């Protein structure tokens, strides 16, 4: 049976199949809920375009949250403004400047891609 590829990372060539997306999203949903994400919560996602962004967005929506993507390419001031304006208290990012920008916002829970993939915490 052919595996359906849902995304290919243009930087690494990593392919993510539909089955892998489902598996990674299921783990990420559990991690989001463990961190307190509930239905209707806005979750900022500041990751480069690729498999991690897809998994994070899919998991936030499946957990009942509102995915608020923020471009990883924004300059520091624009990033700070978008994060502050969102009113979100949860951020998923591995980018140091996004984490720094979140310090001046309502964000209280910061998760990395590794946090989303952890089988247990």
PDB file of N, CA and C in Angstrom:
ATOM      1  N   UNK A   1       0.840  -1.181   0.000  1.00  0.00           N
ATOM      2  CA  UNK A   1       0.000   0.000   0.000  1.00  0.00           C
ATOM      3  C   UNK A   1       0.889   1.251   0.000  1.00  0.00           C
ATOM      4  N   UNK A   2       0.579   2.189  -0.849  1.00  0.00           N
ATOM      5  CA  UNK A   2       1.357   3.416  -0.937  1.00  0.00           C
ATOM      6  C   UNK A   2       1.090   4.320   0.262  1.00  0.00           C
ATOM      7  N   UNK A   3       2.160   4.907   0.788  1.00  0.00           N
ATOM      8  CA  UNK A   3       2.008   5.881   1.865  1.00  0.00           C
ATOM      9  C   UNK A   3       1.784   7.246   1.241  1.00  0.00           C
ATOM     10  N   UNK A   4       0.744   7.924   1.710  1.00  0.00           N
ATOM     11  CA  UNK A   4       0.457   9.257   1.197  1.00  0.00           C
ATOM     12  C   UNK A   4       1.353  10.263   1.894  1.00  0.00           C
ATOM     13  N   UNK A   5       2.129  11.003   1.134  1.00  0.00           N
ATOM     14  CA  UNK A   5       3.001  12.049   1.671  1.00  0.00           C
ATOM     15  C   UNK A   5       2.200  13.333   1.738  1.00  0.00           C
ATOM     16  N   UNK A   6       2.173  13.964   2.922  1.00  0.00           N
ATOM     17  CA  UNK A   6       1.387  15.185   3.081  1.00  0.00           C
ATOM     18  C   UNK A   6       2.250  16.436   2.990  1.00  0.00           C
ATOM     19  N   UNK A   7       3.558  16.318   3.294  1.00  0.00           N
ATOM     20  CA  UNK A   7       4.443  17.486   3.187  1.00  0.00           C
ATOM     21  C   UNK A   7       5.888  17.014   3.065  1.00  0.00           C
ATOM     22  N   UNK A   8       6.670  17.792   2.337  1.00  0.00           N
ATOM     23  CA  UNK A   8       8.105  17.560   2.226  1.00  0.00           C
ATOM     24  C   UNK A   8       8.804  18.830   2.681  1.00  0.00           C
ATOM     25  N   UNK A   9       9.700  18.700   3.637  1.00  0.00           N
ATOM     26  CA  UNK A   9      10.465  19.849   4.128  1.00  0.00           C
ATOM     27  C   UNK A   9      11.454  20.258   3.046  1.00  0.00           C
ATOM     28  N   UNK A  10      11.309  21.474   2.536  1.00  0.00           N
ATOM     29  CA  UNK A  10      12.162  21.927   1.440  1.00  0.00           C
ATOM     30  C   UNK A  10      13.622  22.076   1.853  1.00  0.00           C
ATOM     31  N   UNK A  11      13.873  22.282   3.135  1.00  0.00           N
ATOM     32  CA  UNK A  11      15.252  22.434   3.604  1.00  0.00           C
ATOM     33  C   UNK A  11      15.966  21.117   3.811  1.00  0.00           C
ATOM     34  N   UNK A  12      15.253  20.139   4.351  1.00  0.00           N
ATOM     35  CA  UNK A  12      15.895  18.865   4.697  1.00  0.00           C
ATOM     36  C   UNK A  12      15.489  17.715   3.785  1.00  0.00           C
ATOM     37  N   UNK A  13      14.391  17.875   3.066  1.00  0.00           N
ATOM     38  CA  UNK A  13      13.887  16.795   2.236  1.00  0.00           C
ATOM     39  C   UNK A  13      13.083  15.774   3.023  1.00  0.00           C
ATOM     40  N   UNK A  14      12.915  15.999   4.330  1.00  0.00           N
ATOM     41  CA  UNK A  14      12.148  15.098   5.181  1.00  0.00           C
ATOM     42  C   UNK A  14      10.713  15.026   4.693  1.00  0.00           C
ATOM     43  N   UNK A  15      10.227  13.804   4.522  1.00  0.00           N
ATOM     44  CA  UNK A  15       8.857  13.590   4.076  1.00  0.00           C
ATOM     45  C   UNK A  15       8.018  13.151   5.266  1.00  0.00           C
ATOM     46  N   UNK A  16       6.823  13.712   5.360  1.00  0.00           N
ATOM     47  CA  UNK A  16       5.896  13.347   6.414  1.00  0.00           C
ATOM     48  C   UNK A  16       4.692  12.685   5.762  1.00  0.00           C
ATOM     49  N   UNK A  17       4.439  11.441   6.152  1.00  0.00           N
ATOM     50  CA  UNK A  17       3.298  10.719   5.594  1.00  0.00           C
ATOM     51  C   UNK A  17       2.049  11.045   6.398  1.00  0.00           C
ATOM     52  N   UNK A  18       0.911  10.683   5.841  1.00  0.00           N
ATOM     53  CA  UNK A  18      -0.365  10.887   6.522  1.00  0.00           C
ATOM     54  C   UNK A  18      -0.373  10.140   7.861  1.00  0.00           C
ATOM     55  N   UNK A  19       0.150   8.927   7.870  1.00  0.00           N
ATOM     56  CA  UNK A  19       0.200   8.132   9.103  1.00  0.00           C
ATOM     57  C   UNK A  19       1.112   8.794  10.147  1.00  0.00           C
ATOM     58  N   UNK A  20       2.274   9.300   9.723  1.00  0.00           N
ATOM     59  CA  UNK A  20       3.183   9.983  10.645  1.00  0.00           C
ATOM     60  C   UNK A  20       2.558  11.256  11.196  1.00  0.00           C
ATOM     61  N   UNK A  21       1.850  11.992  10.347  1.00  0.00           N
ATOM     62  CA  UNK A  21       1.161  13.197  10.801  1.00  0.00           C
ATOM     63  C   UNK A  21       0.146  12.845  11.873  1.00  0.00           C
ATOM     64  N   UNK A  22      -0.632  11.813  11.632  1.00  0.00           N
ATOM     65  CA  UNK A  22      -1.632  11.390  12.611  1.00  0.00           C
ATOM     66  C   UNK A  22      -0.966  10.993  13.937  1.00  0.00           C
ATOM     67  N   UNK A  23       0.124  10.231  13.867  1.00  0.00           N
ATOM     68  CA  UNK A  23       0.813   9.777  15.077  1.00  0.00           C
ATOM     69  C   UNK A  23       1.409  10.957  15.852  1.00  0.00           C
ATOM     70  N   UNK A  24       2.116  11.827  15.140  1.00  0.00           N
ATOM     71  CA  UNK A  24       2.736  12.982  15.806  1.00  0.00           C
ATOM     72  C   UNK A  24       1.690  13.936  16.356  1.00  0.00           C
ATOM     73  N   UNK A  25       0.604  14.126  15.621  1.00  0.00           N
ATOM     74  CA  UNK A  25      -0.464  15.010  16.092  1.00  0.00           C
ATOM     75  C   UNK A  25      -1.123  14.456  17.345  1.00  0.00           C
ATOM     76  N   UNK A  26      -1.339  13.140  17.389  1.00  0.00           N
ATOM     77  CA  UNK A  26      -1.966  12.529  18.564  1.00  0.00           C
ATOM     78  C   UNK A  26      -1.120  12.762  19.816  1.00  0.00           C
ATOM     79  N   UNK A  27       0.179  12.606  19.700  1.00  0.00           N
ATOM     80  CA  UNK A  27       1.077  12.854  20.837  1.00  0.00           C
ATOM     81  C   UNK A  27       1.039  14.330  21.211  1.00  0.00           C
ATOM     82  N   UNK A  28       1.068  15.200  20.212  1.00  0.00           N
ATOM     83  CA  UNK A  28       1.063  16.648  20.469  1.00  0.00           C
ATOM     84  C   UNK A  28      -0.236  17.097  21.137  1.00  0.00           C
ATOM     85  N   UNK A  29      -1.351  16.506  20.757  1.00  0.00           N
ATOM     86  CA  UNK A  29      -2.638  16.854  21.385  1.00  0.00           C
ATOM     87  C   UNK A  29      -2.582  16.563  22.877  1.00  0.00           C
ATOM     88  N   UNK A  30      -2.062  15.407  23.230  1.00  0.00           N
ATOM     89  CA  UNK A  30      -1.934  15.043  24.649  1.00  0.00           C
ATOM     90  C   UNK A  30      -1.060  16.061  25.376  1.00  0.00           C
ATOM     91  N   UNK A  31       0.049  16.445  24.765  1.00  0.00           N
ATOM     92  CA  UNK A  31       0.963  17.398  25.404  1.00  0.00           C
ATOM     93  C   UNK A  31       0.311  18.774  25.563  1.00  0.00           C
ATOM     94  N   UNK A  32      -0.432  19.203  24.564  1.00  0.00           N
ATOM     95  CA  UNK A  32      -1.128  20.490  24.669  1.00  0.00           C
ATOM     96  C   UNK A  32      -2.139  20.460  25.805  1.00  0.00           C
ATOM     97  N   UNK A  33      -2.889  19.395  25.890  1.00  0.00           N
ATOM     98  CA  UNK A  33      -3.896  19.286  26.959  1.00  0.00           C
ATOM     99  C   UNK A  33      -3.235  19.217  28.331  1.00  0.00           C
ATOM    100  N   UNK A  34      -2.103  18.518  28.430  1.00  0.00           N
ATOM    101  CA  UNK A  34      -1.371  18.448  29.702  1.00  0.00           C
ATOM    102  C   UNK A  34      -0.886  19.826  30.135  1.00  0.00           C
ATOM    103  N   UNK A  35      -0.617  20.674  29.161  1.00  0.00           N
ATOM    104  CA  UNK A  35      -0.160  22.032  29.468  1.00  0.00           C
ATOM    105  C   UNK A  35      -1.311  22.993  29.685  1.00  0.00           C
ATOM    106  N   UNK A  36      -2.545  22.488  29.604  1.00  0.00           N
ATOM    107  CA  UNK A  36      -3.698  23.316  29.932  1.00  0.00           C
ATOM    108  C   UNK A  36      -4.434  23.922  28.769  1.00  0.00           C
ATOM    109  N   UNK A  37      -4.102  23.555  27.528  1.00  0.00           N
ATOM    110  CA  UNK A  37      -4.824  24.097  26.375  1.00  0.00           C
ATOM    111  C   UNK A  37      -6.224  23.486  26.349  1.00  0.00           C
ATOM    112  N   UNK A  38      -7.208  24.373  26.295  1.00  0.00           N
ATOM    113  CA  UNK A  38      -8.613  23.962  26.290  1.00  0.00           C
ATOM    114  C   UNK A  38      -9.327  24.527  25.066  1.00  0.00           C
ATOM    115  N   UNK A  39     -10.519  24.066  24.860  1.00  0.00           N
ATOM    116  CA  UNK A  39     -11.318  24.510  23.730  1.00  0.00           C
ATOM    117  C   UNK A  39     -11.438  26.031  23.730  1.00  0.00           C
ATOM    118  N   UNK A  40     -11.147  26.622  22.586  1.00  0.00           N
ATOM    119  CA  UNK A  40     -11.257  28.066  22.431  1.00  0.00           C
ATOM    120  C   UNK A  40      -9.998  28.843  22.750  1.00  0.00           C
ATOM    121  N   UNK A  41      -8.986  28.205  23.359  1.00  0.00           N
ATOM    122  CA  UNK A  41      -7.734  28.901  23.677  1.00  0.00           C
ATOM    123  C   UNK A  41      -6.971  29.253  22.399  1.00  0.00           C
ATOM    124  N   UNK A  42      -6.457  30.456  22.339  1.00  0.00           N
ATOM    125  CA  UNK A  42      -5.614  30.855  21.224  1.00  0.00           C
ATOM    126  C   UNK A  42      -4.195  30.374  21.491  1.00  0.00           C
ATOM    127  N   UNK A  43      -3.605  29.693  20.517  1.00  0.00           N
ATOM    128  CA  UNK A  43      -2.244  29.185  20.627  1.00  0.00           C
ATOM    129  C   UNK A  43      -1.425  29.755  19.473  1.00  0.00           C
ATOM    130  N   UNK A  44      -0.423  30.539  19.821  1.00  0.00           N
ATOM    131  CA  UNK A  44       0.492  31.086  18.817  1.00  0.00           C
ATOM    132  C   UNK A  44       1.424  29.985  18.347  1.00  0.00           C
ATOM    133  N   UNK A  45       1.685  29.949  17.058  1.00  0.00           N
ATOM    134  CA  UNK A  45       2.620  28.975  16.500  1.00  0.00           C
ATOM    135  C   UNK A  45       3.608  29.748  15.635  1.00  0.00           C
ATOM    136  N   UNK A  46       4.851  29.808  16.096  1.00  0.00           N
ATOM    137  CA  UNK A  46       5.893  30.531  15.366  1.00  0.00           C
ATOM    138  C   UNK A  46       7.002  29.546  15.021  1.00  0.00           C
ATOM    139  N   UNK A  47       6.819  28.887  13.879  1.00  0.00           N
ATOM    140  CA  UNK A  47       7.764  27.886  13.399  1.00  0.00           C
ATOM    141  C   UNK A  47       7.968  28.086  11.902  1.00  0.00           C
ATOM    142  N   UNK A  48       9.110  27.680  11.378  1.00  0.00           N
ATOM    143  CA  UNK A  48       9.301  27.737   9.926  1.00  0.00           C
ATOM    144  C   UNK A  48       8.302  26.813   9.230  1.00  0.00           C
ATOM    145  N   UNK A  49       7.980  27.127   7.993  1.00  0.00           N
ATOM    146  CA  UNK A  49       7.088  26.282   7.212  1.00  0.00           C
ATOM    147  C   UNK A  49       7.744  24.908   7.061  1.00  0.00           C
ATOM    148  N   UNK A  50       6.970  23.889   7.387  1.00  0.00           N
ATOM    149  CA  UNK A  50       7.487  22.522   7.294  1.00  0.00           C
ATOM    150  C   UNK A  50       6.651  21.582   8.135  1.00  0.00           C
ATOM    151  N   UNK A  51       7.121  20.355   8.294  1.00  0.00           N
ATOM    152  CA  UNK A  51       6.363  19.341   9.028  1.00  0.00           C
ATOM    153  C   UNK A  51       6.009  19.738  10.465  1.00  0.00           C
ATOM    154  N   UNK A  52       6.914  20.379  11.179  1.00  0.00           N
ATOM    155  CA  UNK A  52       6.618  20.759  12.566  1.00  0.00           C
ATOM    156  C   UNK A  52       5.468  21.758  12.647  1.00  0.00           C
ATOM    157  N   UNK A  53       5.436  22.697  11.732  1.00  0.00           N
ATOM    158  CA  UNK A  53       4.341  23.670  11.688  1.00  0.00           C
ATOM    159  C   UNK A  53       3.012  22.964  11.406  1.00  0.00           C
ATOM    160  N   UNK A  54       3.023  22.028  10.476  1.00  0.00           N
ATOM    161  CA  UNK A  54       1.810  21.286  10.142  1.00  0.00           C
ATOM    162  C   UNK A  54       1.315  20.476  11.339  1.00  0.00           C
ATOM    163  N   UNK A  55       2.222  19.776  12.014  1.00  0.00           N
ATOM    164  CA  UNK A  55       1.844  18.968  13.177  1.00  0.00           C
ATOM    165  C   UNK A  55       1.291  19.863  14.285  1.00  0.00           C
ATOM    166  N   UNK A  56       1.979  20.967  14.574  1.00  0.00           N
ATOM    167  CA  UNK A  56       1.536  21.871  15.644  1.00  0.00           C
ATOM    168  C   UNK A  56       0.149  22.438  15.336  1.00  0.00           C
ATOM    169  N   UNK A  57      -0.059  22.883  14.120  1.00  0.00           N
ATOM    170  CA  UNK A  57      -1.355  23.455  13.737  1.00  0.00           C
ATOM    171  C   UNK A  57      -2.460  22.407  13.815  1.00  0.00           C
ATOM    172  N   UNK A  58      -2.190  21.241  13.291  1.00  0.00           N
ATOM    173  CA  UNK A  58      -3.164  20.150  13.328  1.00  0.00           C
ATOM    174  C   UNK A  58      -3.529  19.800  14.774  1.00  0.00           C
ATOM    175  N   UNK A  59      -2.527  19.721  15.646  1.00  0.00           N
ATOM    176  CA  UNK A  59      -2.754  19.348  17.046  1.00  0.00           C
ATOM    177  C   UNK A  59      -3.547  20.417  17.797  1.00  0.00           C
ATOM    178  N   UNK A  60      -3.220  21.679  17.572  1.00  0.00           N
ATOM    179  CA  UNK A  60      -3.945  22.765  18.253  1.00  0.00           C
ATOM    180  C   UNK A  60      -5.419  22.723  17.868  1.00  0.00           C
ATOM    181  N   UNK A  61      -5.700  22.586  16.589  1.00  0.00           N
ATOM    182  CA  UNK A  61      -7.083  22.550  16.127  1.00  0.00           C
ATOM    183  C   UNK A  61      -7.807  21.323  16.691  1.00  0.00           C
ATOM    184  N   UNK A  62      -7.141  20.165  16.669  1.00  0.00           N
ATOM    185  CA  UNK A  62      -7.755  18.943  17.183  1.00  0.00           C
ATOM    186  C   UNK A  62      -7.988  19.021  18.691  1.00  0.00           C
ATOM    187  N   UNK A  63      -7.167  19.784  19.405  1.00  0.00           N
ATOM    188  CA  UNK A  63      -7.339  19.959  20.850  1.00  0.00           C
ATOM    189  C   UNK A  63      -8.429  20.984  21.158  1.00  0.00           C
ATOM    190  N   UNK A  64      -8.991  21.594  20.109  1.00  0.00           N
ATOM    191  CA  UNK A  64     -10.052  22.571  20.295  1.00  0.00           C
ATOM    192  C   UNK A  64      -9.568  23.992  20.372  1.00  0.00           C
ATOM    193  N   UNK A  65      -8.255  24.179  20.241  1.00  0.00           N
ATOM    194  CA  UNK A  65      -7.684  25.517  20.300  1.00  0.00           C
ATOM    195  C   UNK A  65      -7.814  26.247  18.972  1.00  0.00           C
ATOM    196  N   UNK A  66      -7.468  27.517  19.017  1.00  0.00           N
ATOM    197  CA  UNK A  66      -7.453  28.355  17.823  1.00  0.00           C
ATOM    198  C   UNK A  66      -5.995  28.571  17.452  1.00  0.00           C
ATOM    199  N   UNK A  67      -5.580  28.017  16.325  1.00  0.00           N
ATOM    200  CA  UNK A  67      -4.192  28.155  15.866  1.00  0.00           C
ATOM    201  C   UNK A  67      -3.985  29.560  15.306  1.00  0.00           C
ATOM    202  N   UNK A  68      -2.972  30.258  15.821  1.00  0.00           N
ATOM    203  CA  UNK A  68      -2.644  31.610  15.364  1.00  0.00           C
ATOM    204  C   UNK A  68      -1.201  31.572  14.855  1.00  0.00           C
ATOM    205  N   UNK A  69      -1.017  31.262  13.560  1.00  0.00           N
ATOM    206  CA  UNK A  69       0.341  31.209  13.015  1.00  0.00           C
ATOM    207  C   UNK A  69       0.962  32.610  12.955  1.00  0.00           C
ATOM    208  N   UNK A  70       2.211  32.671  13.333  1.00  0.00           N
ATOM    209  CA  UNK A  70       2.983  33.908  13.259  1.00  0.00           C
ATOM    210  C   UNK A  70       4.227  33.592  12.438  1.00  0.00           C
ATOM    211  N   UNK A  71       4.452  34.343  11.387  1.00  0.00           N
ATOM    212  CA  UNK A  71       5.577  34.079  10.497  1.00  0.00           C
ATOM    213  C   UNK A  71       6.900  34.099  11.247  1.00  0.00           C
ATOM    214  N   UNK A  72       7.689  33.074  11.028  1.00  0.00           N
ATOM    215  CA  UNK A  72       9.017  32.989  11.649  1.00  0.00           C
ATOM    216  C   UNK A  72       9.985  33.974  11.018  1.00  0.00           C
ATOM    217  N   UNK A  73       9.596  34.581   9.912  1.00  0.00           N
ATOM    218  CA  UNK A  73      10.473  35.513   9.198  1.00  0.00           C
ATOM    219  C   UNK A  73      10.282  36.975   9.601  1.00  0.00           C
ATOM    220  N   UNK A  74       9.359  37.253  10.513  1.00  0.00           N
ATOM    221  CA  UNK A  74       9.121  38.641  10.930  1.00  0.00           C
ATOM    222  C   UNK A  74      10.321  39.206  11.682  1.00  0.00           C
ATOM    223  N   UNK A  75      10.518  40.523  11.551  1.00  0.00           N
ATOM    224  CA  UNK A  75      11.570  41.149  12.350  1.00  0.00           C
ATOM    225  C   UNK A  75      11.119  41.193  13.813  1.00  0.00           C
ATOM    226  N   UNK A  76      12.032  41.463  14.716  1.00  0.00           N
ATOM    227  CA  UNK A  76      11.763  41.391  16.160  1.00  0.00           C
ATOM    228  C   UNK A  76      10.597  42.281  16.593  1.00  0.00           C
ATOM    229  N   UNK A  77      10.531  43.500  16.068  1.00  0.00           N
ATOM    230  CA  UNK A  77       9.449  44.419  16.464  1.00  0.00           C
ATOM    231  C   UNK A  77       8.082  43.922  16.001  1.00  0.00           C
ATOM    232  N   UNK A  78       8.001  43.486  14.755  1.00  0.00           N
ATOM    233  CA  UNK A  78       6.732  42.975  14.227  1.00  0.00           C
ATOM    234  C   UNK A  78       6.316  41.705  14.961  1.00  0.00           C
ATOM    235  N   UNK A  79       7.282  40.866  15.268  1.00  0.00           N
ATOM    236  CA  UNK A  79       7.003  39.640  16.009  1.00  0.00           C
ATOM    237  C   UNK A  79       6.455  39.951  17.395  1.00  0.00           C
ATOM    238  N   UNK A  80       7.077  40.875  18.072  1.00  0.00           N
ATOM    239  CA  UNK A  80       6.636  41.301  19.406  1.00  0.00           C
ATOM    240  C   UNK A  80       5.204  41.842  19.349  1.00  0.00           C
ATOM    241  N   UNK A  81       4.930  42.657  18.343  1.00  0.00           N
ATOM    242  CA  UNK A  81       3.594  43.252  18.190  1.00  0.00           C
ATOM    243  C   UNK A  81       2.528  42.184  17.924  1.00  0.00           C
ATOM    244  N   UNK A  82       2.818  41.243  17.039  1.00  0.00           N
ATOM    245  CA  UNK A  82       1.847  40.187  16.722  1.00  0.00           C
ATOM    246  C   UNK A  82       1.561  39.317  17.945  1.00  0.00           C
ATOM    247  N   UNK A  83       2.605  38.987  18.670  1.00  0.00           N
ATOM    248  CA  UNK A  83       2.433  38.151  19.863  1.00  0.00           C
ATOM    249  C   UNK A  83       1.615  38.899  20.908  1.00  0.00           C
ATOM    250  N   UNK A  84       1.954  40.142  21.145  1.00  0.00           N
ATOM    251  CA  UNK A  84       1.236  40.960  22.140  1.00  0.00           C
ATOM    252  C   UNK A  84      -0.227  41.143  21.730  1.00  0.00           C
ATOM    253  N   UNK A  85      -0.474  41.433  20.455  1.00  0.00           N
ATOM    254  CA  UNK A  85      -1.833  41.679  19.974  1.00  0.00           C
ATOM    255  C   UNK A  85      -2.720  40.435  20.011  1.00  0.00           C
ATOM    256  N   UNK A  86      -2.127  39.272  19.984  1.00  0.00           N
ATOM    257  CA  UNK A  86      -2.910  38.034  19.963  1.00  0.00           C
ATOM    258  C   UNK A  86      -3.649  37.792  21.276  1.00  0.00           C
ATOM    259  N   UNK A  87      -3.081  38.249  22.373  1.00  0.00           N
ATOM    260  CA  UNK A  87      -3.663  37.984  23.677  1.00  0.00           C
ATOM    261  C   UNK A  87      -3.513  36.540  24.112  1.00  0.00           C
ATOM    262  N   UNK A  88      -2.775  35.744  23.355  1.00  0.00           N
ATOM    263  CA  UNK A  88      -2.604  34.322  23.665  1.00  0.00           C
ATOM    264  C   UNK A  88      -1.734  34.130  24.899  1.00  0.00           C
ATOM    265  N   UNK A  89      -1.977  33.021  25.600  1.00  0.00           N
ATOM    266  CA  UNK A  89      -1.135  32.687  26.732  1.00  0.00           C
ATOM    267  C   UNK A  89      -0.265  31.466  26.457  1.00  0.00           C
ATOM    268  N   UNK A  90      -0.392  30.888  25.238  1.00  0.00           N
ATOM    269  CA  UNK A  90       0.390  29.713  24.859  1.00  0.00           C
ATOM    270  C   UNK A  90       1.127  30.007  23.556  1.00  0.00           C
ATOM    271  N   UNK A  91       2.404  29.626  23.516  1.00  0.00           N
ATOM    272  CA  UNK A  91       3.238  29.811  22.331  1.00  0.00           C
ATOM    273  C   UNK A  91       3.980  28.514  22.049  1.00  0.00           C
ATOM    274  N   UNK A  92       3.969  28.099  20.788  1.00  0.00           N
ATOM    275  CA  UNK A  92       4.788  26.979  20.343  1.00  0.00           C
ATOM    276  C   UNK A  92       5.851  27.550  19.424  1.00  0.00           C
ATOM    277  N   UNK A  93       7.110  27.457  19.845  1.00  0.00           N
ATOM    278  CA  UNK A  93       8.202  27.985  19.044  1.00  0.00           C
ATOM    279  C   UNK A  93       9.537  27.478  19.575  1.00  0.00           C
ATOM    280  N   UNK A  94      10.496  27.368  18.676  1.00  0.00           N
ATOM    281  CA  UNK A  94      11.873  27.063  19.033  1.00  0.00           C
ATOM    282  C   UNK A  94      12.786  28.257  18.721  1.00  0.00           C
ATOM    283  N   UNK A  95      12.196  29.352  18.261  1.00  0.00           N
ATOM    284  CA  UNK A  95      12.982  30.501  17.830  1.00  0.00           C
ATOM    285  C   UNK A  95      13.283  31.431  18.999  1.00  0.00           C
ATOM    286  N   UNK A  96      14.557  31.645  19.306  1.00  0.00           N
ATOM    287  CA  UNK A  96      14.916  32.495  20.446  1.00  0.00           C
ATOM    288  C   UNK A  96      14.260  33.878  20.412  1.00  0.00           C
ATOM    289  N   UNK A  97      14.155  34.499  19.236  1.00  0.00           N
ATOM    290  CA  UNK A  97      13.562  35.846  19.196  1.00  0.00           C
ATOM    291  C   UNK A  97      12.067  35.817  19.452  1.00  0.00           C
ATOM    292  N   UNK A  98      11.396  34.710  19.126  1.00  0.00           N
ATOM    293  CA  UNK A  98       9.973  34.579  19.452  1.00  0.00           C
ATOM    294  C   UNK A  98       9.803  34.413  20.953  1.00  0.00           C
ATOM    295  N   UNK A  99      10.676  33.637  21.563  1.00  0.00           N
ATOM    296  CA  UNK A  99      10.616  33.439  23.007  1.00  0.00           C
ATOM    297  C   UNK A  99      10.887  34.753  23.734  1.00  0.00           C
ATOM    298  N   UNK A 100      11.835  35.510  23.227  1.00  0.00           N
ATOM    299  CA  UNK A 100      12.143  36.817  23.815  1.00  0.00           C
ATOM    300  C   UNK A 100      10.964  37.774  23.651  1.00  0.00           C
ATOM    301  N   UNK A 101      10.357  37.779  22.470  1.00  0.00           N
ATOM    302  CA  UNK A 101       9.218  38.661  22.213  1.00  0.00           C
ATOM    303  C   UNK A 101       8.035  38.309  23.112  1.00  0.00           C
ATOM    304  N   UNK A 102       7.902  37.050  23.447  1.00  0.00           N
ATOM    305  CA  UNK A 102       6.784  36.607  24.282  1.00  0.00           C
ATOM    306  C   UNK A 102       6.900  37.081  25.729  1.00  0.00           C
ATOM    307  N   UNK A 103       8.080  37.464  26.138  1.00  0.00           N
ATOM    308  CA  UNK A 103       8.290  37.908  27.515  1.00  0.00           C
ATOM    309  C   UNK A 103       7.462  39.141  27.858  1.00  0.00           C
ATOM    310  N   UNK A 104       7.138  39.945  26.863  1.00  0.00           N
ATOM    311  CA  UNK A 104       6.384  41.179  27.081  1.00  0.00           C
ATOM    312  C   UNK A 104       4.905  41.002  26.702  1.00  0.00           C
ATOM    313  N   UNK A 105       4.394  39.782  26.811  1.00  0.00           N
ATOM    314  CA  UNK A 105       3.021  39.500  26.402  1.00  0.00           C
ATOM    315  C   UNK A 105       2.304  38.712  27.494  1.00  0.00           C
ATOM    316  N   UNK A 106       1.103  38.249  27.167  1.00  0.00           N
ATOM    317  CA  UNK A 106       0.323  37.427  28.092  1.00  0.00           C
ATOM    318  C   UNK A 106       0.746  35.957  28.054  1.00  0.00           C
ATOM    319  N   UNK A 107       1.683  35.606  27.179  1.00  0.00           N
ATOM    320  CA  UNK A 107       2.113  34.211  27.049  1.00  0.00           C
ATOM    321  C   UNK A 107       2.704  33.731  28.372  1.00  0.00           C
ATOM    322  N   UNK A 108       2.165  32.620  28.869  1.00  0.00           N
ATOM    323  CA  UNK A 108       2.639  32.030  30.118  1.00  0.00           C
ATOM    324  C   UNK A 108       3.107  30.601  29.939  1.00  0.00           C
ATOM    325  N   UNK A 109       2.731  29.997  28.813  1.00  0.00           N
ATOM    326  CA  UNK A 109       3.131  28.625  28.524  1.00  0.00           C
ATOM    327  C   UNK A 109       3.864  28.631  27.188  1.00  0.00           C
ATOM    328  N   UNK A 110       5.116  28.200  27.214  1.00  0.00           N
ATOM    329  CA  UNK A 110       5.917  28.120  25.998  1.00  0.00           C
ATOM    330  C   UNK A 110       6.272  26.658  25.779  1.00  0.00           C
ATOM    331  N   UNK A 111       5.994  26.189  24.583  1.00  0.00           N
ATOM    332  CA  UNK A 111       6.298  24.814  24.223  1.00  0.00           C
ATOM    333  C   UNK A 111       7.198  24.794  23.000  1.00  0.00           C
ATOM    334  N   UNK A 112       8.133  23.868  22.983  1.00  0.00           N
ATOM    335  CA  UNK A 112       8.987  23.683  21.829  1.00  0.00           C
ATOM    336  C   UNK A 112       8.461  22.510  21.005  1.00  0.00           C
ATOM    337  N   UNK A 113       9.032  22.306  19.853  1.00  0.00           N
ATOM    338  CA  UNK A 113       8.660  21.162  19.040  1.00  0.00           C
ATOM    339  C   UNK A 113       8.964  19.880  19.808  1.00  0.00           C
ATOM    340  N   UNK A 114      10.070  19.845  20.527  1.00  0.00           N
ATOM    341  CA  UNK A 114      10.419  18.670  21.336  1.00  0.00           C
ATOM    342  C   UNK A 114       9.347  18.402  22.390  1.00  0.00           C
ATOM    343  N   UNK A 115       8.793  19.449  22.987  1.00  0.00           N
ATOM    344  CA  UNK A 115       7.715  19.272  23.980  1.00  0.00           C
ATOM    345  C   UNK A 115       6.504  18.612  23.348  1.00  0.00           C
ATOM    346  N   UNK A 116       6.190  18.985  22.120  1.00  0.00           N
ATOM    347  CA  UNK A 116       5.028  18.417  21.440  1.00  0.00           C
ATOM    348  C   UNK A 116       5.224  16.940  21.118  1.00  0.00           C
ATOM    349  N   UNK A 117       6.477  16.542  20.914  1.00  0.00           N
ATOM    350  CA  UNK A 117       6.773  15.173  20.496  1.00  0.00           C
ATOM    351  C   UNK A 117       7.035  14.239  21.666  1.00  0.00           C
ATOM    352  N   UNK A 118       7.137  14.769  22.881  1.00  0.00           N
ATOM    353  CA  UNK A 118       7.469  13.956  24.038  1.00  0.00           C
ATOM    354  C   UNK A 118       6.355  12.965  24.335  1.00  0.00           C
ATOM    355  N   UNK A 119       6.717  11.727  24.546  1.00  0.00           N
ATOM    356  CA  UNK A 119       5.721  10.715  24.884  1.00  0.00           C
ATOM    357  C   UNK A 119       5.228  10.853  26.299  1.00  0.00           C
ATOM    358  N   UNK A 120       6.045  11.388  27.181  1.00  0.00           N
ATOM    359  CA  UNK A 120       5.602  11.619  28.570  1.00  0.00           C
ATOM    360  C   UNK A 120       6.371  12.797  29.138  1.00  0.00           C
ATOM    361  N   UNK A 121       5.735  13.491  30.107  1.00  0.00           N
ATOM    362  CA  UNK A 121       6.376  14.614  30.777  1.00  0.00           C
ATOM    363  C   UNK A 121       6.347  14.424  32.263  1.00  0.00           C
TER     364      UNK A 121
END
